[in-house]
Amino acid sequence: MAKRQLATLSLPVFVLSALDRAGYQTVEDLSGATPDSLSKDLNISLPSSQAVFQATQMPRSVPLTQSAALLVGGSKAYSTKLAELDALLEGGLKRGFILELSGPPGSIKETVAMNVVSSFVEASHHVLFVDMQNMTSPATLVRSLRTSSSAPQDCQGRVHHLRIHTLPDLMIFLRNLPSYLQDHPETALLVLNSLSYPFQSLAGLSNSTRVALLDRVKQTLTRASASTKLTVVITSQLATKLLKPDGSAADFETGSRAIMAPALGPAYLPSAKTYRVCVVPRSRTAGVFRLLSSPLAVHGSQPPVEEAYQLAR
C-alpha cells in the first residue's frame, strides 16, 4: 500500500494537482504528515486534507492476492505488427500500459496506431479513436481493419471515432472519460492521435497553465490505466528545443544548438506505465524506432535503445 500512487486515489482533481506540485507521489510520502500540516502545505481546506488520508485507507480495486502478472495487465501482449517495435515493448503492448509515439510529419506514427487498433479488434475488444488533427478518418480505419483476415465480422462497430480540435474540448473529453469507460466497459484501447496539436494551436498559453493542463492529462491516464486497465496509444509531433552549451534549456538568444524532441515532454505521462518511442524515418519505408524510456528504464537512466525497421513493399 505504501508504494501506491496518489494519482490513483479517488480525490478531486485540484487536490491531486496540489499533491503533485508539492512533490507527494506515493502513499509512503504522506507518512510524516498530518491532516493539519498537509492542509497548510498544500493550501487546501482541512476537510480536503482529511479526505486524502481517508482515501489512502481504501482498498485497491484489484485484490492484493492476485498474481503479479495480473497486476501489470496480464501476460497477453497486443502486437504493433512490426516485430522491431514489439521487441522494444518486450513482446508487444499489454493492457493498462501507455505507448507514446513521436516523430516528424510523414512518419509511420499513425500506421503503428492503426496496427494496434487492429490487434485489439482482432481480440474482440472495443476501441475509442480520438483524432485531433484530421489525420485519420473513420473510412481509413475501416479500410485498415478490412485488410485483416482475423478481424471479426462486426469490426466496424467495435471502433468508435471522435474528432477533437481544441484544447477546451480535449479537457472536457478527459473529464468525461471515466464516466464513458464506466458506461462502456468493453473499451480496452484509447488512441489519442496528434495529442500535441491542441496545445500548439492555442496561442498565448502560459507555462503555468500548460503545466496544469498536462498534469490533468497525467491524472486521467493514470487513473484509467490503473482502474480499468485501459491501454493508451498517443501520437505526437516533434518540436525544436534550444539548448545552452551545458545542455540546459535556452531561448533564441542564449541557445547554442537545437534538437528535435517530443513536443509535450515526459511530464504528462505516468512513467511506471509508459513506453516512449521516437520514430526516426530514413526513407519512406525504413527508419529507426528509438526507445526513450520504459517502465523499467526511465528517461536518462541508460542510453536509448534502437531497432531499425523496414516496411514491406
C-alpha atoms as a PDB file:
ATOM      1  CA  MET A   1       0.000   0.000   0.000  1.00  0.00           C
ATOM      2  CA  ALA A   2       2.876   2.404   0.828  1.00  0.00           C
ATOM      3  CA  LYS A   3       4.062   2.407  -2.791  1.00  0.00           C
ATOM      4  CA  ARG A   4       0.581   3.115  -4.150  1.00  0.00           C
ATOM      5  CA  GLN A   5       0.489   6.130  -6.457  1.00  0.00           C
ATOM      6  CA  LEU A   6      -1.562   9.014  -5.037  1.00  0.00           C
ATOM      7  CA  ALA A   7      -2.839   9.769  -8.562  1.00  0.00           C
ATOM      8  CA  THR A   8      -4.893   6.548  -8.392  1.00  0.00           C
ATOM      9  CA  LEU A   9      -6.881   7.704  -5.337  1.00  0.00           C
ATOM     10  CA  SER A  10     -10.484   8.865  -5.661  1.00  0.00           C
ATOM     11  CA  LEU A  11      -9.852  12.533  -4.908  1.00  0.00           C
ATOM     12  CA  PRO A  12     -10.855  15.818  -6.571  1.00  0.00           C
ATOM     13  CA  VAL A  13      -8.597  16.996  -9.385  1.00  0.00           C
ATOM     14  CA  PHE A  14      -7.487  20.138  -7.510  1.00  0.00           C
ATOM     15  CA  VAL A  15      -6.330  18.029  -4.544  1.00  0.00           C
ATOM     16  CA  LEU A  16      -4.374  15.631  -6.777  1.00  0.00           C
ATOM     17  CA  SER A  17      -2.785  18.611  -8.546  1.00  0.00           C
ATOM     18  CA  ALA A  18      -1.784  20.169  -5.226  1.00  0.00           C
ATOM     19  CA  LEU A  19      -0.234  16.883  -4.062  1.00  0.00           C
ATOM     20  CA  ASP A  20       1.757  16.524  -7.263  1.00  0.00           C
ATOM     21  CA  ARG A  21       3.016  20.131  -7.196  1.00  0.00           C
ATOM     22  CA  ALA A  22       4.172  19.650  -3.598  1.00  0.00           C
ATOM     23  CA  GLY A  23       6.104  16.508  -4.527  1.00  0.00           C
ATOM     24  CA  TYR A  24       3.799  13.896  -2.995  1.00  0.00           C
ATOM     25  CA  GLN A  25       3.746  10.891  -5.350  1.00  0.00           C
ATOM     26  CA  THR A  26       3.003   7.807  -3.242  1.00  0.00           C
ATOM     27  CA  VAL A  27       1.159   6.968  -0.018  1.00  0.00           C
ATOM     28  CA  GLU A  28       4.549   6.497   1.629  1.00  0.00           C
ATOM     29  CA  ASP A  29       5.314  10.194   1.029  1.00  0.00           C
ATOM     30  CA  LEU A  30       2.493  11.065   3.454  1.00  0.00           C
ATOM     31  CA  SER A  31       3.929   9.017   6.321  1.00  0.00           C
ATOM     32  CA  GLY A  32       5.322  12.029   8.172  1.00  0.00           C
ATOM     33  CA  ALA A  33       2.380  14.359   7.546  1.00  0.00           C
ATOM     34  CA  THR A  34      -0.822  15.059   9.453  1.00  0.00           C
ATOM     35  CA  PRO A  35      -4.130  16.406   8.104  1.00  0.00           C
ATOM     36  CA  ASP A  36      -3.334  19.795   9.633  1.00  0.00           C
ATOM     37  CA  SER A  37       0.226  20.022   8.243  1.00  0.00           C
ATOM     38  CA  LEU A  38      -0.890  18.759   4.831  1.00  0.00           C
ATOM     39  CA  SER A  39      -3.648  21.367   4.739  1.00  0.00           C
ATOM     40  CA  LYS A  40      -1.096  24.131   5.265  1.00  0.00           C
ATOM     41  CA  ASP A  41       1.482  22.580   2.928  1.00  0.00           C
ATOM     42  CA  LEU A  42      -0.982  22.247   0.034  1.00  0.00           C
ATOM     43  CA  ASN A  43      -3.011  25.355   0.846  1.00  0.00           C
ATOM     44  CA  ILE A  44      -6.256  23.361   0.901  1.00  0.00           C
ATOM     45  CA  SER A  45      -9.023  23.098   3.463  1.00  0.00           C
ATOM     46  CA  LEU A  46      -8.711  20.772   6.452  1.00  0.00           C
ATOM     47  CA  PRO A  47     -11.640  18.564   5.289  1.00  0.00           C
ATOM     48  CA  SER A  48      -9.895  18.153   1.937  1.00  0.00           C
ATOM     49  CA  SER A  49      -6.630  17.093   3.569  1.00  0.00           C
ATOM     50  CA  GLN A  50      -8.525  14.688   5.852  1.00  0.00           C
ATOM     51  CA  ALA A  51     -10.109  13.171   2.751  1.00  0.00           C
ATOM     52  CA  VAL A  52      -6.615  12.418   1.422  1.00  0.00           C
ATOM     53  CA  PHE A  53      -5.774  10.262   4.442  1.00  0.00           C
ATOM     54  CA  GLN A  54      -9.176   8.572   4.328  1.00  0.00           C
ATOM     55  CA  ALA A  55      -8.670   7.701   0.657  1.00  0.00           C
ATOM     56  CA  THR A  56      -5.307   6.064   1.418  1.00  0.00           C
ATOM     57  CA  GLN A  57      -7.066   3.587   3.719  1.00  0.00           C
ATOM     58  CA  MET A  58      -9.457   2.376   0.992  1.00  0.00           C
ATOM     59  CA  PRO A  59      -8.576  -0.969  -0.607  1.00  0.00           C
ATOM     60  CA  ARG A  60      -7.356  -1.173  -4.160  1.00  0.00           C
ATOM     61  CA  SER A  61      -9.843  -2.117  -6.831  1.00  0.00           C
ATOM     62  CA  VAL A  62      -7.537  -5.064  -7.670  1.00  0.00           C
ATOM     63  CA  PRO A  63      -7.221  -7.609  -4.815  1.00  0.00           C
ATOM     64  CA  LEU A  64      -3.718  -7.934  -3.405  1.00  0.00           C
ATOM     65  CA  THR A  65      -3.965 -11.725  -3.676  1.00  0.00           C
ATOM     66  CA  GLN A  66      -3.813 -11.577  -7.474  1.00  0.00           C
ATOM     67  CA  SER A  67      -0.637 -12.580  -9.235  1.00  0.00           C
ATOM     68  CA  ALA A  68       1.980 -10.059 -10.279  1.00  0.00           C
ATOM     69  CA  ALA A  69       1.172 -10.802 -13.933  1.00  0.00           C
ATOM     70  CA  LEU A  70      -2.437  -9.726 -13.437  1.00  0.00           C
ATOM     71  CA  LEU A  71      -1.416  -6.577 -11.590  1.00  0.00           C
ATOM     72  CA  VAL A  72       0.636  -5.414 -14.577  1.00  0.00           C
ATOM     73  CA  GLY A  73      -2.015  -6.212 -17.134  1.00  0.00           C
ATOM     74  CA  GLY A  74      -1.664  -9.936 -17.668  1.00  0.00           C
ATOM     75  CA  SER A  75       0.678 -11.866 -19.915  1.00  0.00           C
ATOM     76  CA  LYS A  76      -1.144 -11.215 -23.203  1.00  0.00           C
ATOM     77  CA  ALA A  77       0.596  -8.680 -25.413  1.00  0.00           C
ATOM     78  CA  TYR A  78      -1.044  -6.958 -28.369  1.00  0.00           C
ATOM     79  CA  SER A  79       1.217  -6.703 -31.387  1.00  0.00           C
ATOM     80  CA  THR A  80       2.030  -3.492 -33.221  1.00  0.00           C
ATOM     81  CA  LYS A  81       2.515  -5.771 -36.269  1.00  0.00           C
ATOM     82  CA  LEU A  82       6.090  -4.531 -36.518  1.00  0.00           C
ATOM     83  CA  ALA A  83       8.474  -7.047 -34.984  1.00  0.00           C
ATOM     84  CA  GLU A  84      11.129  -4.429 -34.276  1.00  0.00           C
ATOM     85  CA  LEU A  85       8.762  -2.284 -32.212  1.00  0.00           C
ATOM     86  CA  ASP A  86       7.282  -5.312 -30.445  1.00  0.00           C
ATOM     87  CA  ALA A  87      10.824  -6.180 -29.346  1.00  0.00           C
ATOM     88  CA  LEU A  88      11.246  -2.756 -27.733  1.00  0.00           C
ATOM     89  CA  LEU A  89       7.888  -3.236 -25.980  1.00  0.00           C
ATOM     90  CA  GLU A  90       9.005  -6.568 -24.509  1.00  0.00           C
ATOM     91  CA  GLY A  91       6.756  -8.588 -26.807  1.00  0.00           C
ATOM     92  CA  GLY A  92       4.001  -6.076 -27.508  1.00  0.00           C
ATOM     93  CA  LEU A  93       1.691  -3.643 -25.732  1.00  0.00           C
ATOM     94  CA  LYS A  94      -0.044  -5.013 -22.627  1.00  0.00           C
ATOM     95  CA  ARG A  95      -3.339  -3.974 -21.054  1.00  0.00           C
ATOM     96  CA  GLY A  96      -3.071  -0.979 -18.744  1.00  0.00           C
ATOM     97  CA  PHE A  97       0.072   0.425 -20.384  1.00  0.00           C
ATOM     98  CA  ILE A  98       0.692   3.535 -22.496  1.00  0.00           C
ATOM     99  CA  LEU A  99       2.662   3.895 -25.724  1.00  0.00           C
ATOM    100  CA  GLU A 100       3.692   7.381 -26.833  1.00  0.00           C
ATOM    101  CA  LEU A 101       4.828   7.574 -30.463  1.00  0.00           C
ATOM    102  CA  SER A 102       6.515  10.798 -31.505  1.00  0.00           C
ATOM    103  CA  GLY A 103       8.007  11.630 -34.865  1.00  0.00           C
ATOM    104  CA  PRO A 104       8.143  14.118 -37.731  1.00  0.00           C
ATOM    105  CA  PRO A 105       5.273  14.600 -40.205  1.00  0.00           C
ATOM    106  CA  GLY A 106       5.065  11.732 -42.666  1.00  0.00           C
ATOM    107  CA  SER A 107       6.495   9.133 -40.290  1.00  0.00           C
ATOM    108  CA  ILE A 108       4.612   5.930 -39.579  1.00  0.00           C
ATOM    109  CA  LYS A 109       3.105   7.006 -36.229  1.00  0.00           C
ATOM    110  CA  GLU A 110      -0.493   6.708 -37.447  1.00  0.00           C
ATOM    111  CA  THR A 111       0.271   3.422 -39.204  1.00  0.00           C
ATOM    112  CA  VAL A 112       1.524   1.924 -35.938  1.00  0.00           C
ATOM    113  CA  ALA A 113      -1.523   3.264 -34.079  1.00  0.00           C
ATOM    114  CA  MET A 114      -3.871   1.638 -36.602  1.00  0.00           C
ATOM    115  CA  ASN A 115      -1.905  -1.616 -36.316  1.00  0.00           C
ATOM    116  CA  VAL A 116      -2.542  -1.637 -32.560  1.00  0.00           C
ATOM    117  CA  VAL A 117      -6.233  -0.873 -33.181  1.00  0.00           C
ATOM    118  CA  SER A 118      -6.363  -3.886 -35.489  1.00  0.00           C
ATOM    119  CA  SER A 119      -4.766  -6.144 -32.857  1.00  0.00           C
ATOM    120  CA  PHE A 120      -7.292  -5.119 -30.211  1.00  0.00           C
ATOM    121  CA  VAL A 121     -10.252  -5.506 -32.569  1.00  0.00           C
ATOM    122  CA  GLU A 122      -8.998  -8.943 -33.617  1.00  0.00           C
ATOM    123  CA  ALA A 123      -9.173  -9.856 -29.917  1.00  0.00           C
ATOM    124  CA  SER A 124     -12.849  -8.711 -29.926  1.00  0.00           C
ATOM    125  CA  HIS A 125     -12.172  -5.554 -27.877  1.00  0.00           C
ATOM    126  CA  HIS A 126     -13.677  -2.126 -28.479  1.00  0.00           C
ATOM    127  CA  VAL A 127     -11.548   0.920 -29.313  1.00  0.00           C
ATOM    128  CA  LEU A 128     -12.059   4.668 -28.882  1.00  0.00           C
ATOM    129  CA  PHE A 129     -10.060   6.561 -31.512  1.00  0.00           C
ATOM    130  CA  VAL A 130      -9.742  10.321 -30.892  1.00  0.00           C
ATOM    131  CA  ASP A 131      -8.319  12.322 -33.813  1.00  0.00           C
ATOM    132  CA  MET A 132      -7.179  15.883 -33.118  1.00  0.00           C
ATOM    133  CA  GLN A 133      -5.744  16.975 -36.462  1.00  0.00           C
ATOM    134  CA  ASN A 134      -7.885  15.272 -39.121  1.00  0.00           C
ATOM    135  CA  MET A 135      -5.068  12.794 -39.716  1.00  0.00           C
ATOM    136  CA  THR A 136      -7.132   9.589 -39.697  1.00  0.00           C
ATOM    137  CA  SER A 137     -10.737   9.380 -40.886  1.00  0.00           C
ATOM    138  CA  PRO A 138     -13.300   6.696 -39.962  1.00  0.00           C
ATOM    139  CA  ALA A 139     -13.089   5.400 -43.549  1.00  0.00           C
ATOM    140  CA  THR A 140      -9.314   4.964 -43.224  1.00  0.00           C
ATOM    141  CA  LEU A 141      -9.780   2.962 -40.025  1.00  0.00           C
ATOM    142  CA  VAL A 142     -12.375   0.734 -41.648  1.00  0.00           C
ATOM    143  CA  ARG A 143     -10.130   0.076 -44.666  1.00  0.00           C
ATOM    144  CA  SER A 144      -7.275  -0.815 -42.333  1.00  0.00           C
ATOM    145  CA  LEU A 145      -9.433  -3.302 -40.428  1.00  0.00           C
ATOM    146  CA  ARG A 146     -10.763  -4.924 -43.588  1.00  0.00           C
ATOM    147  CA  THR A 147      -7.240  -5.888 -44.612  1.00  0.00           C
ATOM    148  CA  SER A 148      -7.029  -8.132 -41.541  1.00  0.00           C
ATOM    149  CA  SER A 149      -8.213 -11.684 -42.091  1.00  0.00           C
ATOM    150  CA  SER A 150      -8.518 -12.143 -38.310  1.00  0.00           C
ATOM    151  CA  ALA A 151     -10.885  -9.223 -37.706  1.00  0.00           C
ATOM    152  CA  PRO A 152     -14.397 -10.207 -36.552  1.00  0.00           C
ATOM    153  CA  GLN A 153     -17.419  -9.620 -38.777  1.00  0.00           C
ATOM    154  CA  ASP A 154     -18.573  -6.656 -36.681  1.00  0.00           C
ATOM    155  CA  CYS A 155     -15.126  -4.997 -36.644  1.00  0.00           C
ATOM    156  CA  GLN A 156     -16.510  -1.668 -37.871  1.00  0.00           C
ATOM    157  CA  GLY A 157     -18.851  -1.465 -34.889  1.00  0.00           C
ATOM    158  CA  ARG A 158     -16.023  -2.034 -32.444  1.00  0.00           C
ATOM    159  CA  VAL A 159     -14.141   1.181 -33.336  1.00  0.00           C
ATOM    160  CA  HIS A 160     -15.627   4.486 -32.197  1.00  0.00           C
ATOM    161  CA  HIS A 161     -14.159   7.575 -33.862  1.00  0.00           C
ATOM    162  CA  LEU A 162     -14.207  11.041 -32.292  1.00  0.00           C
ATOM    163  CA  ARG A 163     -12.838  14.373 -33.555  1.00  0.00           C
ATOM    164  CA  ILE A 164     -11.472  16.946 -31.097  1.00  0.00           C
ATOM    165  CA  HIS A 165      -9.722  20.071 -32.356  1.00  0.00           C
ATOM    166  CA  THR A 166      -9.474  22.496 -29.412  1.00  0.00           C
ATOM    167  CA  LEU A 167      -7.815  22.343 -26.032  1.00  0.00           C
ATOM    168  CA  PRO A 168     -11.049  23.125 -24.096  1.00  0.00           C
ATOM    169  CA  ASP A 169     -12.784  20.243 -25.898  1.00  0.00           C
ATOM    170  CA  LEU A 170      -9.887  17.946 -25.003  1.00  0.00           C
ATOM    171  CA  MET A 171     -10.170  18.861 -21.318  1.00  0.00           C
ATOM    172  CA  ILE A 172     -13.926  18.221 -21.395  1.00  0.00           C
ATOM    173  CA  PHE A 173     -13.299  14.838 -23.018  1.00  0.00           C
ATOM    174  CA  LEU A 174     -10.769  13.887 -20.316  1.00  0.00           C
ATOM    175  CA  ARG A 175     -13.154  14.983 -17.570  1.00  0.00           C
ATOM    176  CA  ASN A 176     -15.870  12.740 -19.023  1.00  0.00           C
ATOM    177  CA  LEU A 177     -13.597   9.794 -19.852  1.00  0.00           C
ATOM    178  CA  PRO A 178     -14.084   7.940 -16.513  1.00  0.00           C
ATOM    179  CA  SER A 179     -17.859   8.052 -16.977  1.00  0.00           C
ATOM    180  CA  TYR A 180     -17.519   6.859 -20.580  1.00  0.00           C
ATOM    181  CA  LEU A 181     -15.371   3.900 -19.522  1.00  0.00           C
ATOM    182  CA  GLN A 182     -17.842   3.020 -16.799  1.00  0.00           C
ATOM    183  CA  ASP A 183     -20.716   3.040 -19.312  1.00  0.00           C
ATOM    184  CA  HIS A 184     -18.640   1.194 -21.962  1.00  0.00           C
ATOM    185  CA  PRO A 185     -16.591  -1.415 -20.045  1.00  0.00           C
ATOM    186  CA  GLU A 186     -15.842  -3.227 -23.308  1.00  0.00           C
ATOM    187  CA  THR A 187     -13.489  -0.368 -24.307  1.00  0.00           C
ATOM    188  CA  ALA A 188      -9.919  -1.664 -23.951  1.00  0.00           C
ATOM    189  CA  LEU A 189      -7.913   0.774 -26.096  1.00  0.00           C
ATOM    190  CA  LEU A 190      -7.842   4.565 -26.352  1.00  0.00           C
ATOM    191  CA  VAL A 191      -5.936   6.225 -29.193  1.00  0.00           C
ATOM    192  CA  LEU A 192      -5.124   9.926 -28.780  1.00  0.00           C
ATOM    193  CA  ASN A 193      -3.966  10.852 -32.274  1.00  0.00           C
ATOM    194  CA  SER A 194      -1.930  14.107 -32.576  1.00  0.00           C
ATOM    195  CA  LEU A 195      -2.308  14.939 -28.882  1.00  0.00           C
ATOM    196  CA  SER A 196       0.239  17.746 -29.147  1.00  0.00           C
ATOM    197  CA  TYR A 197      -1.843  19.656 -31.720  1.00  0.00           C
ATOM    198  CA  PRO A 198      -4.437  21.236 -29.350  1.00  0.00           C
ATOM    199  CA  PHE A 199      -1.619  22.541 -27.138  1.00  0.00           C
ATOM    200  CA  GLN A 200       0.267  24.031 -30.093  1.00  0.00           C
ATOM    201  CA  SER A 201      -2.802  25.593 -31.700  1.00  0.00           C
ATOM    202  CA  LEU A 202      -3.735  27.701 -28.653  1.00  0.00           C
ATOM    203  CA  ALA A 203      -1.610  30.858 -28.812  1.00  0.00           C
ATOM    204  CA  GLY A 204      -0.750  32.705 -25.615  1.00  0.00           C
ATOM    205  CA  LEU A 205      -0.957  29.673 -23.333  1.00  0.00           C
ATOM    206  CA  SER A 206       1.115  30.457 -20.240  1.00  0.00           C
ATOM    207  CA  ASN A 207       3.628  27.929 -18.983  1.00  0.00           C
ATOM    208  CA  SER A 208       1.828  27.513 -15.644  1.00  0.00           C
ATOM    209  CA  THR A 209      -1.477  26.839 -17.398  1.00  0.00           C
ATOM    210  CA  ARG A 210       0.201  24.389 -19.757  1.00  0.00           C
ATOM    211  CA  VAL A 211       1.756  22.530 -16.812  1.00  0.00           C
ATOM    212  CA  ALA A 212      -1.598  22.348 -15.011  1.00  0.00           C
ATOM    213  CA  LEU A 213      -3.386  21.021 -18.096  1.00  0.00           C
ATOM    214  CA  LEU A 214      -0.704  18.408 -18.790  1.00  0.00           C
ATOM    215  CA  ASP A 215      -0.952  17.377 -15.156  1.00  0.00           C
ATOM    216  CA  ARG A 216      -4.674  16.790 -15.663  1.00  0.00           C
ATOM    217  CA  VAL A 217      -3.871  14.575 -18.656  1.00  0.00           C
ATOM    218  CA  LYS A 218      -1.476  12.578 -16.476  1.00  0.00           C
ATOM    219  CA  GLN A 219      -4.008  12.134 -13.690  1.00  0.00           C
ATOM    220  CA  THR A 220      -6.696  10.943 -16.093  1.00  0.00           C
ATOM    221  CA  LEU A 221      -4.432   8.446 -17.856  1.00  0.00           C
ATOM    222  CA  THR A 222      -3.007   7.160 -14.557  1.00  0.00           C
ATOM    223  CA  ARG A 223      -6.444   6.517 -13.119  1.00  0.00           C
ATOM    224  CA  ALA A 224      -7.834   4.936 -16.291  1.00  0.00           C
ATOM    225  CA  SER A 225      -4.889   2.572 -16.750  1.00  0.00           C
ATOM    226  CA  ALA A 226      -4.994   1.559 -13.068  1.00  0.00           C
ATOM    227  CA  SER A 227      -8.762   1.174 -12.580  1.00  0.00           C
ATOM    228  CA  THR A 228      -9.927  -0.265 -15.927  1.00  0.00           C
ATOM    229  CA  LYS A 229      -6.621  -1.492 -17.428  1.00  0.00           C
ATOM    230  CA  LEU A 230      -7.217   0.821 -20.363  1.00  0.00           C
ATOM    231  CA  THR A 231      -4.382   0.702 -22.889  1.00  0.00           C
ATOM    232  CA  VAL A 232      -3.491   4.047 -24.465  1.00  0.00           C
ATOM    233  CA  VAL A 233      -1.627   4.882 -27.677  1.00  0.00           C
ATOM    234  CA  ILE A 234      -0.607   8.523 -28.143  1.00  0.00           C
ATOM    235  CA  THR A 235       0.868  10.052 -31.285  1.00  0.00           C
ATOM    236  CA  SER A 236       2.665  13.379 -31.044  1.00  0.00           C
ATOM    237  CA  GLN A 237       4.785  15.660 -33.189  1.00  0.00           C
ATOM    238  CA  LEU A 238       8.384  16.622 -32.549  1.00  0.00           C
ATOM    239  CA  ALA A 239       9.311  20.173 -31.559  1.00  0.00           C
ATOM    240  CA  THR A 240      12.543  22.139 -31.760  1.00  0.00           C
ATOM    241  CA  LYS A 241      14.241  22.527 -28.376  1.00  0.00           C
ATOM    242  CA  LEU A 242      17.028  25.100 -27.915  1.00  0.00           C
ATOM    243  CA  LEU A 243      19.877  24.228 -25.554  1.00  0.00           C
ATOM    244  CA  LYS A 244      22.775  26.031 -23.933  1.00  0.00           C
ATOM    245  CA  PRO A 245      26.319  24.627 -24.207  1.00  0.00           C
ATOM    246  CA  ASP A 246      25.828  22.821 -20.867  1.00  0.00           C
ATOM    247  CA  GLY A 247      22.656  21.123 -22.125  1.00  0.00           C
ATOM    248  CA  SER A 248      20.154  23.187 -20.140  1.00  0.00           C
ATOM    249  CA  ALA A 249      17.088  24.791 -21.737  1.00  0.00           C
ATOM    250  CA  ALA A 250      17.632  28.033 -23.643  1.00  0.00           C
ATOM    251  CA  ASP A 251      15.888  30.579 -25.840  1.00  0.00           C
ATOM    252  CA  PHE A 252      16.813  32.097 -29.211  1.00  0.00           C
ATOM    253  CA  GLU A 253      19.288  34.493 -27.571  1.00  0.00           C
ATOM    254  CA  THR A 254      21.075  32.046 -25.254  1.00  0.00           C
ATOM    255  CA  GLY A 255      20.802  28.806 -27.233  1.00  0.00           C
ATOM    256  CA  SER A 256      23.852  27.366 -28.957  1.00  0.00           C
ATOM    257  CA  ARG A 257      22.240  24.326 -30.577  1.00  0.00           C
ATOM    258  CA  ALA A 258      18.836  22.885 -31.368  1.00  0.00           C
ATOM    259  CA  ILE A 259      17.458  19.360 -31.155  1.00  0.00           C
ATOM    260  CA  MET A 260      14.154  17.712 -32.068  1.00  0.00           C
ATOM    261  CA  ALA A 261      12.271  16.293 -29.091  1.00  0.00           C
ATOM    262  CA  PRO A 262       8.693  15.138 -28.338  1.00  0.00           C
ATOM    263  CA  ALA A 263       6.544  18.268 -28.228  1.00  0.00           C
ATOM    264  CA  LEU A 264       4.860  17.630 -24.871  1.00  0.00           C
ATOM    265  CA  GLY A 265       7.840  16.265 -22.954  1.00  0.00           C
ATOM    266  CA  PRO A 266       7.614  13.339 -20.494  1.00  0.00           C
ATOM    267  CA  ALA A 267       5.935  15.022 -17.504  1.00  0.00           C
ATOM    268  CA  TYR A 268       2.343  14.361 -18.634  1.00  0.00           C
ATOM    269  CA  LEU A 269       2.829  10.574 -18.669  1.00  0.00           C
ATOM    270  CA  PRO A 270       2.933   8.135 -15.708  1.00  0.00           C
ATOM    271  CA  SER A 271       6.480   6.797 -16.010  1.00  0.00           C
ATOM    272  CA  ALA A 272       5.680   3.454 -14.364  1.00  0.00           C
ATOM    273  CA  LYS A 273       3.204   2.620 -17.137  1.00  0.00           C
ATOM    274  CA  THR A 274       4.633   4.316 -20.242  1.00  0.00           C
ATOM    275  CA  TYR A 275       6.812   3.385 -23.198  1.00  0.00           C
ATOM    276  CA  ARG A 276       8.055   6.479 -25.055  1.00  0.00           C
ATOM    277  CA  VAL A 277       9.209   5.727 -28.608  1.00  0.00           C
ATOM    278  CA  CYS A 278      10.520   8.176 -31.201  1.00  0.00           C
ATOM    279  CA  VAL A 279      10.128   7.247 -34.872  1.00  0.00           C
ATOM    280  CA  VAL A 280      13.169   8.321 -36.930  1.00  0.00           C
ATOM    281  CA  PRO A 281      12.473   7.751 -40.648  1.00  0.00           C
ATOM    282  CA  ARG A 282      15.401   7.226 -43.021  1.00  0.00           C
ATOM    283  CA  SER A 283      13.209   6.826 -46.090  1.00  0.00           C
ATOM    284  CA  ARG A 284       9.552   6.230 -46.878  1.00  0.00           C
ATOM    285  CA  THR A 285       9.863   2.547 -45.978  1.00  0.00           C
ATOM    286  CA  ALA A 286      12.730   2.375 -43.483  1.00  0.00           C
ATOM    287  CA  GLY A 287      13.905   4.012 -40.303  1.00  0.00           C
ATOM    288  CA  VAL A 288      14.577   3.505 -36.618  1.00  0.00           C
ATOM    289  CA  PHE A 289      12.403   3.055 -33.521  1.00  0.00           C
ATOM    290  CA  ARG A 290      14.193   4.738 -30.596  1.00  0.00           C
ATOM    291  CA  LEU A 291      13.029   3.774 -27.089  1.00  0.00           C
ATOM    292  CA  LEU A 292      13.403   6.938 -24.990  1.00  0.00           C
ATOM    293  CA  SER A 293      12.075   5.403 -21.770  1.00  0.00           C
ATOM    294  CA  SER A 294      10.055   2.472 -20.491  1.00  0.00           C
ATOM    295  CA  PRO A 295       8.536   1.319 -17.177  1.00  0.00           C
ATOM    296  CA  LEU A 296      11.797  -0.490 -16.416  1.00  0.00           C
ATOM    297  CA  ALA A 297      14.166   2.189 -17.730  1.00  0.00           C
ATOM    298  CA  VAL A 298      13.172   5.781 -17.033  1.00  0.00           C
ATOM    299  CA  HIS A 299      14.476   8.687 -19.100  1.00  0.00           C
ATOM    300  CA  GLY A 300      18.171   9.292 -18.609  1.00  0.00           C
ATOM    301  CA  SER A 301      18.920   6.070 -16.737  1.00  0.00           C
ATOM    302  CA  GLN A 302      20.577   4.487 -19.780  1.00  0.00           C
ATOM    303  CA  PRO A 303      21.238   5.299 -23.457  1.00  0.00           C
ATOM    304  CA  PRO A 304      18.189   4.974 -25.743  1.00  0.00           C
ATOM    305  CA  VAL A 305      17.720   1.538 -27.304  1.00  0.00           C
ATOM    306  CA  GLU A 306      17.101   1.436 -31.046  1.00  0.00           C
ATOM    307  CA  GLU A 307      15.642  -1.040 -33.517  1.00  0.00           C
ATOM    308  CA  ALA A 308      15.832  -0.482 -37.271  1.00  0.00           C
ATOM    309  CA  TYR A 309      12.634  -1.184 -39.211  1.00  0.00           C
ATOM    310  CA  GLN A 310      11.916  -1.936 -42.850  1.00  0.00           C
ATOM    311  CA  LEU A 311       8.317  -1.842 -44.123  1.00  0.00           C
ATOM    312  CA  ALA A 312       7.183  -4.469 -46.600  1.00  0.00           C
ATOM    313  CA  ARG A 313       6.733  -3.014 -50.062  1.00  0.00           C
END
